Amino acid sequence: MAYPLHVIDRAKHMYIVEGLTCEAIAKVLKTEYPKITGVTIRKWADAKNEFSETWDNIKNRKLQTDERRILKAETSKRKLLINQVVEMRE
């Protein structure tokens, strides 16, 4: 069965952002699409997009980006605290 693009996009969001498994996504979508299975979701996840990326590739890239942002924020916060301590000592 062919599913609308918005269903695939919703499944992709649940997989990449929410971290759900293919089976868990199928369970959520079954209320609207009773015939959907985890195998169908896995096929979507394994299919490469126009940039030759699977959902796992995109998820890993997102995780790396998030980690860099967190490190940058922690570094900025540390620098701010150090500057405040230096100002207090002056």
C-alpha atoms as a PDB file:
ATOM      1  CA  MET A   1       0.000   0.000   0.000  1.00  0.00           C
ATOM      2  CA  ALA A   2       1.261   3.472  -0.851  1.00  0.00           C
ATOM      3  CA  TYR A   3       1.180   5.889   2.067  1.00  0.00           C
ATOM      4  CA  PRO A   4       0.867   9.683   1.831  1.00  0.00           C
ATOM      5  CA  LEU A   5       4.089  11.663   2.111  1.00  0.00           C
ATOM      6  CA  HIS A   6       2.955  13.259   5.378  1.00  0.00           C
ATOM      7  CA  VAL A   7       2.793   9.795   6.972  1.00  0.00           C
ATOM      8  CA  ILE A   8       6.366   9.024   5.904  1.00  0.00           C
ATOM      9  CA  ASP A   9       7.503  12.429   7.168  1.00  0.00           C
ATOM     10  CA  ARG A  10       5.754  11.825  10.485  1.00  0.00           C
ATOM     11  CA  ALA A  11       7.421   8.424  10.807  1.00  0.00           C
ATOM     12  CA  LYS A  12      10.783   9.993   9.953  1.00  0.00           C
ATOM     13  CA  HIS A  13      10.314  12.615  12.673  1.00  0.00           C
ATOM     14  CA  MET A  14       9.404   9.956  15.240  1.00  0.00           C
ATOM     15  CA  TYR A  15      12.485   7.946  14.244  1.00  0.00           C
ATOM     16  CA  ILE A  16      15.048  10.755  14.091  1.00  0.00           C
ATOM     17  CA  VAL A  17      13.824  13.275  16.657  1.00  0.00           C
ATOM     18  CA  GLU A  18      11.844  11.163  19.115  1.00  0.00           C
ATOM     19  CA  GLY A  19      14.090   8.109  18.814  1.00  0.00           C
ATOM     20  CA  LEU A  20      11.276   5.562  18.433  1.00  0.00           C
ATOM     21  CA  THR A  21      11.895   2.149  16.904  1.00  0.00           C
ATOM     22  CA  CYS A  22      10.239   1.134  13.659  1.00  0.00           C
ATOM     23  CA  GLU A  23       7.877  -1.167  15.544  1.00  0.00           C
ATOM     24  CA  ALA A  24       6.899   1.589  17.998  1.00  0.00           C
ATOM     25  CA  ILE A  25       6.245   3.983  15.109  1.00  0.00           C
ATOM     26  CA  ALA A  26       4.050   1.389  13.394  1.00  0.00           C
ATOM     27  CA  LYS A  27       2.088   0.948  16.615  1.00  0.00           C
ATOM     28  CA  VAL A  28       1.433   4.708  16.797  1.00  0.00           C
ATOM     29  CA  LEU A  29       0.435   4.950  13.130  1.00  0.00           C
ATOM     30  CA  LYS A  30      -1.783   1.842  13.209  1.00  0.00           C
ATOM     31  CA  THR A  31      -4.638   3.900  14.637  1.00  0.00           C
ATOM     32  CA  GLU A  32      -4.865   5.747  11.313  1.00  0.00           C
ATOM     33  CA  TYR A  33      -3.319   3.114   9.028  1.00  0.00           C
ATOM     34  CA  PRO A  34      -4.188  -0.365  10.349  1.00  0.00           C
ATOM     35  CA  LYS A  35      -2.070  -2.225   7.779  1.00  0.00           C
ATOM     36  CA  ILE A  36       1.208  -0.397   8.446  1.00  0.00           C
ATOM     37  CA  THR A  37       4.025  -2.530   9.882  1.00  0.00           C
ATOM     38  CA  GLY A  38       7.449  -2.094  11.385  1.00  0.00           C
ATOM     39  CA  VAL A  39       8.874  -3.725   8.253  1.00  0.00           C
ATOM     40  CA  THR A  40       7.369  -0.934   6.130  1.00  0.00           C
ATOM     41  CA  ILE A  41       8.863   1.719   8.401  1.00  0.00           C
ATOM     42  CA  ARG A  42      12.259  -0.067   8.286  1.00  0.00           C
ATOM     43  CA  LYS A  43      12.151  -0.012   4.457  1.00  0.00           C
ATOM     44  CA  TRP A  44      11.535   3.730   4.558  1.00  0.00           C
ATOM     45  CA  ALA A  45      14.357   4.199   7.078  1.00  0.00           C
ATOM     46  CA  ASP A  46      16.799   2.153   4.975  1.00  0.00           C
ATOM     47  CA  ALA A  47      15.949   3.867   1.683  1.00  0.00           C
ATOM     48  CA  LYS A  48      18.505   6.471   0.669  1.00  0.00           C
ATOM     49  CA  ASN A  49      17.372  10.012  -0.065  1.00  0.00           C
ATOM     50  CA  GLU A  50      18.665  12.299  -2.813  1.00  0.00           C
ATOM     51  CA  PHE A  51      21.858  12.819  -0.774  1.00  0.00           C
ATOM     52  CA  SER A  52      22.425   9.043  -0.369  1.00  0.00           C
ATOM     53  CA  GLU A  53      21.521   9.208   3.327  1.00  0.00           C
ATOM     54  CA  THR A  54      19.348   6.829   5.313  1.00  0.00           C
ATOM     55  CA  TRP A  55      17.366   7.887   8.373  1.00  0.00           C
ATOM     56  CA  ASP A  56      20.169   6.459  10.524  1.00  0.00           C
ATOM     57  CA  ASN A  57      22.716   8.682   8.741  1.00  0.00           C
ATOM     58  CA  ILE A  58      20.524  11.728   9.337  1.00  0.00           C
ATOM     59  CA  LYS A  59      19.951  10.751  12.981  1.00  0.00           C
ATOM     60  CA  ASN A  60      23.690  10.333  13.606  1.00  0.00           C
ATOM     61  CA  ARG A  61      24.461  13.682  11.958  1.00  0.00           C
ATOM     62  CA  LYS A  62      21.784  15.344  14.110  1.00  0.00           C
ATOM     63  CA  LEU A  63      23.250  13.782  17.264  1.00  0.00           C
ATOM     64  CA  GLN A  64      26.731  15.035  16.366  1.00  0.00           C
ATOM     65  CA  THR A  65      25.375  18.531  15.714  1.00  0.00           C
ATOM     66  CA  ASP A  66      23.509  18.503  19.020  1.00  0.00           C
ATOM     67  CA  GLU A  67      26.647  17.384  20.865  1.00  0.00           C
ATOM     68  CA  ARG A  68      28.673  20.225  19.294  1.00  0.00           C
ATOM     69  CA  ARG A  69      26.015  22.760  20.297  1.00  0.00           C
ATOM     70  CA  ILE A  70      25.992  21.484  23.863  1.00  0.00           C
ATOM     71  CA  LEU A  71      29.789  21.635  24.098  1.00  0.00           C
ATOM     72  CA  LYS A  72      29.802  25.153  22.665  1.00  0.00           C
ATOM     73  CA  ALA A  73      27.152  26.271  25.164  1.00  0.00           C
ATOM     74  CA  GLU A  74      29.064  24.695  28.058  1.00  0.00           C
ATOM     75  CA  THR A  75      32.281  26.381  26.934  1.00  0.00           C
ATOM     76  CA  SER A  76      30.552  29.758  26.659  1.00  0.00           C
ATOM     77  CA  LYS A  77      29.050  29.330  30.114  1.00  0.00           C
ATOM     78  CA  ARG A  78      32.440  28.369  31.554  1.00  0.00           C
ATOM     79  CA  LYS A  79      34.087  31.433  29.969  1.00  0.00           C
ATOM     80  CA  LEU A  80      31.356  33.668  31.374  1.00  0.00           C
ATOM     81  CA  LEU A  81      31.843  32.283  34.863  1.00  0.00           C
ATOM     82  CA  ILE A  82      35.619  32.709  34.645  1.00  0.00           C
ATOM     83  CA  ASN A  83      35.183  36.318  33.503  1.00  0.00           C
ATOM     84  CA  GLN A  84      32.827  36.994  36.405  1.00  0.00           C
ATOM     85  CA  VAL A  85      35.318  35.572  38.898  1.00  0.00           C
ATOM     86  CA  VAL A  86      38.132  37.646  37.382  1.00  0.00           C
ATOM     87  CA  GLU A  87      36.000  40.806  37.604  1.00  0.00           C
ATOM     88  CA  MET A  88      35.156  40.073  41.239  1.00  0.00           C
ATOM     89  CA  ARG A  89      38.849  39.758  42.075  1.00  0.00           C
ATOM     90  CA  GLU A  90      39.754  43.078  40.491  1.00  0.00           C
END
